[in-house]
């Protein structure tokens, strides 16, 4: 059943199918125009295919300038190129129509015909784009909700948990400052995951602060004699950038989960480079054992959810690369902001 659903989804989302349906609609539109009434089928077929062949170059040329200039608010260049497309396509259509279809309408009628095709195709494209963005937004919200539900299922009642942590902090503060500090960091981290991350965007420096808390909590597991190297380098200003919450943390958690061994030399190296228009984040950790032991399915729900959220929130504007060898596992994420 799932296979049939995936096949149906691929068919529905096929760009080739959408373009075929659009030109089929245009073919049907040409077939009911007054000038072709009573025309034999073969002649009608040649007539319609010829008209569509003339329209295809300007329509797809307009798609290109629409994406590259209009949607990027470069309206002057867009209008100049649109005028060039209309004029050149109008001359081409006028020439072809007169030579092969006994057309007598003139240049301006040909330009009107080309313009009509551009308007209809653009409307169809923008409607499709709006529907796709809406569906992607709904899926992103669904993924976020699913992550929240899974998190709540795995936790004790949050209020009870925070109250207990506060009580433990008060008890430990008078006896062991290191334990008290660890409890405080854990409390902040849990509050961030359960409460503070319930927004679409969060300041990058807040996410960075949670990464530092995770590192400090993990260090409590180790002694000075353990051969473990942990490093977190931040380059750039993190207080001027916003990202979706809980995007970086799963990669860090997985690095500590799979990259640290108390029996062998281990390391976790994290680098964050923040720029005004770009964010680069890499997590490199030691690997212990065959590559097949670490797969995304074993990495847990968090990593797969983050991958899908990135696809929905930054379509075509991010790269996520994974390097998996016998000694090193590395995740590299780049986001165009």
Protein backbone atom coordinates (compact mmCIF):
# COMPACT_ATOMS: atom_id res chain seq x y z
CA UNK A 1 0.00 0.00 0.00
CA UNK A 2 2.81 2.40 0.92
CA UNK A 3 4.55 1.63 -2.38
CA UNK A 4 1.41 2.53 -4.33
CA UNK A 5 1.05 5.76 -2.35
CA UNK A 6 4.68 6.72 -3.04
CA UNK A 7 4.20 6.00 -6.75
CA UNK A 8 1.02 8.09 -6.80
CA UNK A 9 2.81 10.92 -4.98
CA UNK A 10 5.67 10.89 -7.50
CA UNK A 11 3.21 10.99 -10.40
CA UNK A 12 1.25 13.88 -8.90
CA UNK A 13 4.44 15.84 -8.18
CA UNK A 14 5.99 15.12 -11.58
CA UNK A 15 7.03 18.34 -13.35
CA UNK A 16 6.89 16.55 -16.69
CA UNK A 17 3.27 15.61 -16.06
CA UNK A 18 2.38 19.18 -15.10
CA UNK A 19 3.94 20.60 -18.26
CA UNK A 20 2.28 17.94 -20.40
CA UNK A 21 -1.12 18.79 -18.91
CA UNK A 22 -0.57 22.51 -19.50
CA UNK A 23 0.29 22.10 -23.17
CA UNK A 24 -2.59 19.64 -23.57
CA UNK A 25 -4.88 22.34 -22.23
CA UNK A 26 -3.43 24.80 -24.73
CA UNK A 27 -3.87 22.27 -27.53
CA UNK A 28 -7.53 21.89 -26.57
CA UNK A 29 -7.92 25.68 -26.44
CA UNK A 30 -6.54 26.03 -29.97
CA UNK A 31 -8.84 23.25 -31.17
CA UNK A 32 -11.99 25.16 -30.25
CA UNK A 33 -10.95 28.53 -31.69
CA UNK A 34 -13.28 29.82 -34.47
CA UNK A 35 -10.57 29.83 -37.15
CA UNK A 36 -10.16 26.02 -37.09
CA UNK A 37 -13.81 24.98 -37.18
CA UNK A 38 -14.38 22.35 -39.80
CA UNK A 39 -10.65 21.81 -40.39
CA UNK A 40 -9.71 18.13 -41.03
CA UNK A 41 -8.07 16.35 -38.08
CA UNK A 42 -4.59 15.97 -39.60
CA UNK A 43 -4.48 19.60 -40.66
CA UNK A 44 -5.79 20.63 -37.23
CA UNK A 45 -3.11 18.54 -35.53
CA UNK A 46 -0.34 20.16 -37.60
CA UNK A 47 -1.88 23.60 -37.02
CA UNK A 48 -1.98 23.21 -33.23
CA UNK A 49 1.46 21.60 -32.91
CA UNK A 50 2.94 24.38 -35.04
CA UNK A 51 1.41 27.05 -32.85
CA UNK A 52 2.60 25.31 -29.66
CA UNK A 53 6.12 24.93 -31.10
CA UNK A 54 6.22 28.69 -31.63
CA UNK A 55 5.02 29.35 -28.07
CA UNK A 56 7.35 27.00 -26.20
CA UNK A 57 10.57 29.14 -26.46
CA UNK A 58 9.04 32.40 -25.16
CA UNK A 59 7.10 30.62 -22.39
CA UNK A 60 10.16 28.85 -20.98
CA UNK A 61 12.38 31.88 -21.53
CA UNK A 62 9.89 33.82 -19.43
CA UNK A 63 9.96 31.14 -16.75
CA UNK A 64 13.71 31.69 -16.51
CA UNK A 65 13.58 35.48 -16.14
CA UNK A 66 10.61 35.17 -13.77
CA UNK A 67 12.63 33.02 -11.34
CA UNK A 68 15.93 34.84 -11.78
CA UNK A 69 14.80 38.47 -11.81
CA UNK A 70 11.12 39.07 -10.96
CA UNK A 71 11.00 36.85 -7.87
CA UNK A 72 14.29 38.39 -6.74
CA UNK A 73 12.77 41.90 -7.08
CA UNK A 74 14.97 42.96 -10.00
CA UNK A 75 11.98 44.40 -11.83
CA UNK A 76 13.82 46.70 -14.25
CA UNK A 77 15.85 43.89 -15.80
CA UNK A 78 12.77 41.66 -15.81
CA UNK A 79 10.64 44.17 -17.73
CA UNK A 80 13.40 44.85 -20.27
CA UNK A 81 13.89 41.14 -20.94
CA UNK A 82 10.14 40.52 -21.06
CA UNK A 83 9.78 43.20 -23.73
CA UNK A 84 12.61 41.62 -25.72
CA UNK A 85 10.94 38.20 -25.49
CA UNK A 86 7.58 39.58 -26.64
CA UNK A 87 9.03 41.48 -29.59
CA UNK A 88 11.38 38.73 -30.82
CA UNK A 89 8.76 36.02 -30.31
CA UNK A 90 6.12 38.17 -31.98
CA UNK A 91 8.28 38.56 -35.10
CA UNK A 92 9.05 34.82 -35.12
CA UNK A 93 5.40 33.86 -34.65
CA UNK A 94 4.27 36.33 -37.32
CA UNK A 95 6.80 34.89 -39.79
CA UNK A 96 5.94 31.24 -39.08
CA UNK A 97 2.18 31.82 -39.10
CA UNK A 98 2.27 33.70 -42.39
CA UNK A 99 4.55 31.20 -44.11
CA UNK A 100 2.95 27.96 -43.00
CA UNK A 101 -0.59 28.77 -41.83
CA UNK A 102 -1.75 31.56 -44.16
CA UNK A 103 -1.92 33.89 -41.18
CA UNK A 104 -3.01 37.49 -41.83
CA UNK A 105 -3.28 38.92 -38.33
CA UNK A 106 -0.11 41.01 -38.27
CA UNK A 107 2.73 41.50 -35.78
CA UNK A 108 0.69 42.93 -32.91
CA UNK A 109 -1.82 40.10 -33.00
CA UNK A 110 1.05 37.60 -32.94
CA UNK A 111 2.58 39.42 -29.95
CA UNK A 112 -0.81 39.37 -28.24
CA UNK A 113 -1.02 35.61 -28.83
CA UNK A 114 2.45 35.09 -27.35
CA UNK A 115 1.64 37.38 -24.42
CA UNK A 116 -1.56 35.47 -23.73
CA UNK A 117 0.40 32.20 -23.56
CA UNK A 118 2.93 33.78 -21.19
CA UNK A 119 0.20 35.15 -18.90
CA UNK A 120 -1.64 31.82 -18.71
CA UNK A 121 1.53 29.79 -18.14
CA UNK A 122 2.79 32.24 -15.51
CA UNK A 123 -0.51 32.13 -13.64
CA UNK A 124 -0.40 28.33 -13.65
CA UNK A 125 3.21 28.35 -12.41
CA UNK A 126 2.56 30.84 -9.60
CA UNK A 127 -0.55 28.97 -8.45
CA UNK A 128 1.43 25.72 -8.42
CA UNK A 129 4.26 27.42 -6.50
CA UNK A 130 1.84 28.82 -3.90
CA UNK A 131 0.14 25.45 -3.41
CA UNK A 132 3.51 23.68 -3.08
CA UNK A 133 4.76 26.20 -0.52
CA UNK A 134 1.56 25.81 1.47
CA UNK A 135 1.87 22.03 1.47
CA UNK A 136 5.54 22.26 2.47
CA UNK A 137 4.66 24.60 5.33
CA UNK A 138 2.00 22.19 6.54
CA UNK A 139 4.44 19.29 6.36
CA UNK A 140 7.07 21.28 8.26
CA UNK A 141 4.52 22.08 10.96
CA UNK A 142 3.52 18.42 11.08
CA UNK A 143 7.14 17.33 11.45
CA UNK A 144 7.68 19.86 14.22
CA UNK A 145 4.55 18.67 16.01
CA UNK A 146 5.62 15.04 15.68
CA UNK A 147 9.02 15.87 17.16
CA UNK A 148 7.36 17.65 20.07
CA UNK A 149 5.01 14.72 20.70
CA UNK A 150 7.85 12.21 20.64
CA UNK A 151 9.83 14.40 23.01
CA UNK A 152 6.92 14.68 25.44
CA UNK A 153 6.35 10.92 25.35
CA UNK A 154 9.96 10.36 26.34
CA UNK A 155 9.94 12.84 29.23
CA UNK A 156 8.39 13.02 32.65
CA UNK A 157 5.81 15.76 33.15
CA UNK A 158 7.87 18.90 32.42
CA UNK A 159 6.68 20.85 35.47
CA UNK A 160 7.48 17.94 37.74
CA UNK A 161 10.85 17.55 36.06
CA UNK A 162 11.81 21.21 36.47
CA UNK A 163 10.68 21.28 40.10
CA UNK A 164 12.72 18.15 40.81
CA UNK A 165 15.78 19.59 39.12
CA UNK A 166 15.45 22.79 41.13
CA UNK A 167 15.23 20.80 44.36
CA UNK A 168 18.28 18.72 43.42
CA UNK A 169 20.16 21.90 42.53
CA UNK A 170 19.41 23.38 45.96
CA UNK A 171 20.58 20.21 47.70
CA UNK A 172 23.73 19.83 45.63
CA UNK A 173 24.78 23.48 45.85
CA UNK A 174 25.72 23.10 49.51
CA UNK A 175 27.68 19.87 48.97
CA UNK A 176 29.05 19.65 45.42
CA UNK A 177 29.24 22.73 43.19
CA UNK A 178 30.10 20.67 40.10
CA UNK A 179 26.94 18.57 40.49
CA UNK A 180 24.89 21.69 41.07
CA UNK A 181 26.29 23.27 37.93
CA UNK A 182 25.49 20.12 35.93
CA UNK A 183 21.91 20.10 37.16
CA UNK A 184 21.56 23.78 36.31
CA UNK A 185 22.80 23.19 32.76
CA UNK A 186 20.46 20.24 32.33
CA UNK A 187 17.52 22.31 33.56
CA UNK A 188 18.31 25.10 31.07
CA UNK A 189 18.68 22.60 28.25
CA UNK A 190 15.40 20.85 29.03
CA UNK A 191 13.58 24.16 29.27
CA UNK A 192 14.98 25.19 25.89
CA UNK A 193 13.94 21.94 24.23
CA UNK A 194 10.44 21.86 25.68
CA UNK A 195 9.46 25.53 25.96
CA UNK A 196 11.82 28.01 24.32
CA UNK A 197 11.98 26.18 20.98
CA UNK A 198 8.24 26.53 20.31
CA UNK A 199 8.80 29.25 17.71
CA UNK A 200 9.51 29.31 13.98
CA UNK A 201 12.83 31.17 14.35
CA UNK A 202 15.22 31.70 17.23
CA UNK A 203 18.40 33.71 17.67
CA UNK A 204 21.43 31.70 16.64
CA UNK A 205 23.31 32.63 19.81
CA UNK A 206 20.60 30.87 21.87
CA UNK A 207 21.09 27.66 19.89
CA UNK A 208 24.86 28.06 20.34
CA UNK A 209 24.38 28.44 24.09
CA UNK A 210 22.52 25.13 24.18
CA UNK A 211 25.30 23.43 22.21
CA UNK A 212 27.77 24.66 24.84
CA UNK A 213 25.52 23.28 27.62
CA UNK A 214 25.38 19.89 25.89
CA UNK A 215 29.18 19.86 25.68
CA UNK A 216 29.59 20.74 29.35
CA UNK A 217 27.06 18.10 30.38
CA UNK A 218 28.85 15.49 28.30
CA UNK A 219 32.16 16.39 29.90
CA UNK A 220 30.74 15.34 33.28
CA UNK A 221 30.92 11.74 32.03
CA UNK A 222 34.69 11.86 31.59
CA UNK A 223 37.68 12.10 33.87
CA UNK A 224 40.95 13.89 33.28
CA UNK A 225 42.59 10.55 32.42
CA UNK A 226 40.25 9.82 29.49
CA UNK A 227 41.81 10.43 26.07
CA UNK A 228 38.99 12.59 24.72
CA UNK A 229 39.37 15.83 22.76
CA UNK A 230 36.34 18.13 22.55
CA UNK A 231 36.44 21.45 20.72
CA UNK A 232 33.77 23.97 19.72
CA UNK A 233 34.83 26.90 17.52
CA UNK A 234 32.45 29.76 16.69
CA UNK A 235 33.40 32.30 14.01
CA UNK A 236 31.29 35.36 13.26
CA UNK A 237 28.41 37.15 14.95
CA UNK A 238 25.67 34.81 16.13
CA UNK A 239 23.44 37.51 17.61
CA UNK A 240 22.42 38.88 14.20
CA UNK A 241 21.13 35.63 12.67
CA UNK A 242 17.98 33.62 13.26
CA UNK A 243 17.42 29.94 12.42
CA UNK A 244 14.73 27.35 13.13
CA UNK A 245 15.24 25.94 16.65
CA UNK A 246 16.71 22.49 17.23
CA UNK A 247 18.53 22.40 13.87
CA UNK A 248 22.10 22.13 15.16
CA UNK A 249 21.57 20.23 18.40
CA UNK A 250 20.70 16.78 16.95
CA UNK A 251 24.02 16.66 15.08
CA UNK A 252 25.91 17.43 18.30
CA UNK A 253 23.97 14.85 20.30
CA UNK A 254 24.66 12.16 17.71
CA UNK A 255 28.36 13.01 17.71
CA UNK A 256 28.62 12.36 21.44
CA UNK A 257 26.34 9.33 21.28
CA UNK A 258 28.33 7.53 18.58
CA UNK A 259 31.73 9.22 18.66
CA UNK A 260 32.91 8.81 22.25
CA UNK A 261 34.48 5.65 23.62
CA UNK A 262 36.06 5.45 27.07
CA UNK A 263 38.24 2.59 25.84
CA UNK A 264 39.76 4.29 22.79
CA UNK A 265 41.03 7.80 21.93
CA UNK A 266 38.03 9.87 20.87
CA UNK A 267 37.22 13.35 19.69
CA UNK A 268 34.35 15.68 18.83
CA UNK A 269 35.23 18.79 16.84
CA UNK A 270 32.48 21.33 16.13
CA UNK A 271 32.89 24.43 13.95
CA UNK A 272 30.26 27.11 13.35
CA UNK A 273 30.88 29.93 10.87
CA UNK A 274 28.20 32.63 10.84
CA UNK A 275 27.98 35.21 8.05
CA UNK A 276 25.22 37.63 7.08
CA UNK A 277 24.03 35.48 4.18
CA UNK A 278 25.47 32.06 4.97
CA UNK A 279 25.79 29.63 7.86
CA UNK A 280 28.32 26.78 7.85
CA UNK A 281 28.21 24.12 10.56
CA UNK A 282 30.32 20.99 10.78
CA UNK A 283 30.51 18.25 13.40
CA UNK A 284 33.35 15.76 13.17
CA UNK A 285 33.72 12.86 15.59
CA UNK A 286 35.79 9.73 15.93
CA UNK A 287 34.26 6.51 14.64
CA UNK A 288 34.68 3.19 16.38
CA UNK A 289 34.04 0.04 14.40
CA UNK A 290 32.82 -0.66 10.85
CA UNK A 291 31.07 2.10 8.91
CA UNK A 292 27.90 0.00 8.68
CA UNK A 293 27.41 0.34 12.44
CA UNK A 294 26.50 4.00 12.10
CA UNK A 295 23.60 4.70 9.79
CA UNK A 296 20.98 7.43 9.79
CA UNK A 297 18.30 4.95 10.84
CA UNK A 298 20.34 4.13 13.94
CA UNK A 299 21.04 7.78 14.59
CA UNK A 300 17.48 8.25 15.75
CA UNK A 301 14.42 10.27 14.84
CA UNK A 302 16.14 13.61 15.42
CA UNK A 303 18.59 13.44 12.52
CA UNK A 304 16.05 12.31 9.92
CA UNK A 305 13.58 14.96 11.08
CA UNK A 306 16.22 17.68 10.84
CA UNK A 307 17.10 16.55 7.32
CA UNK A 308 13.45 16.76 6.24
CA UNK A 309 12.90 20.10 8.02
CA UNK A 310 15.88 21.55 6.16
CA UNK A 311 14.43 20.35 2.86
CA UNK A 312 11.15 22.09 3.66
CA UNK A 313 12.51 25.30 5.20
CA UNK A 314 15.50 25.84 2.90
CA UNK A 315 14.59 24.20 -0.43
CA UNK A 316 17.51 24.61 -2.81
CA UNK A 317 19.28 26.81 -0.24
CA UNK A 318 21.17 24.28 1.83
CA UNK A 319 23.56 21.38 1.50
CA UNK A 320 23.95 18.54 3.98
CA UNK A 321 26.93 16.25 3.45
CA UNK A 322 27.84 13.19 5.50
CA UNK A 323 31.28 11.60 5.47
CA UNK A 324 31.43 8.15 7.04
CA UNK A 325 34.74 6.28 7.26
CA UNK A 326 36.12 3.71 9.66
CA UNK A 327 37.82 6.40 11.75
CA UNK A 328 35.83 9.60 11.20
CA UNK A 329 32.19 10.56 10.92
CA UNK A 330 31.53 14.12 9.77
CA UNK A 331 28.37 16.12 9.07
CA UNK A 332 28.71 19.38 7.11
CA UNK A 333 25.73 21.71 6.82
CA UNK A 334 25.61 24.94 4.80
CA UNK A 335 22.55 27.20 4.76
CA UNK A 336 21.93 30.25 2.59
CA UNK A 337 20.12 32.66 4.89
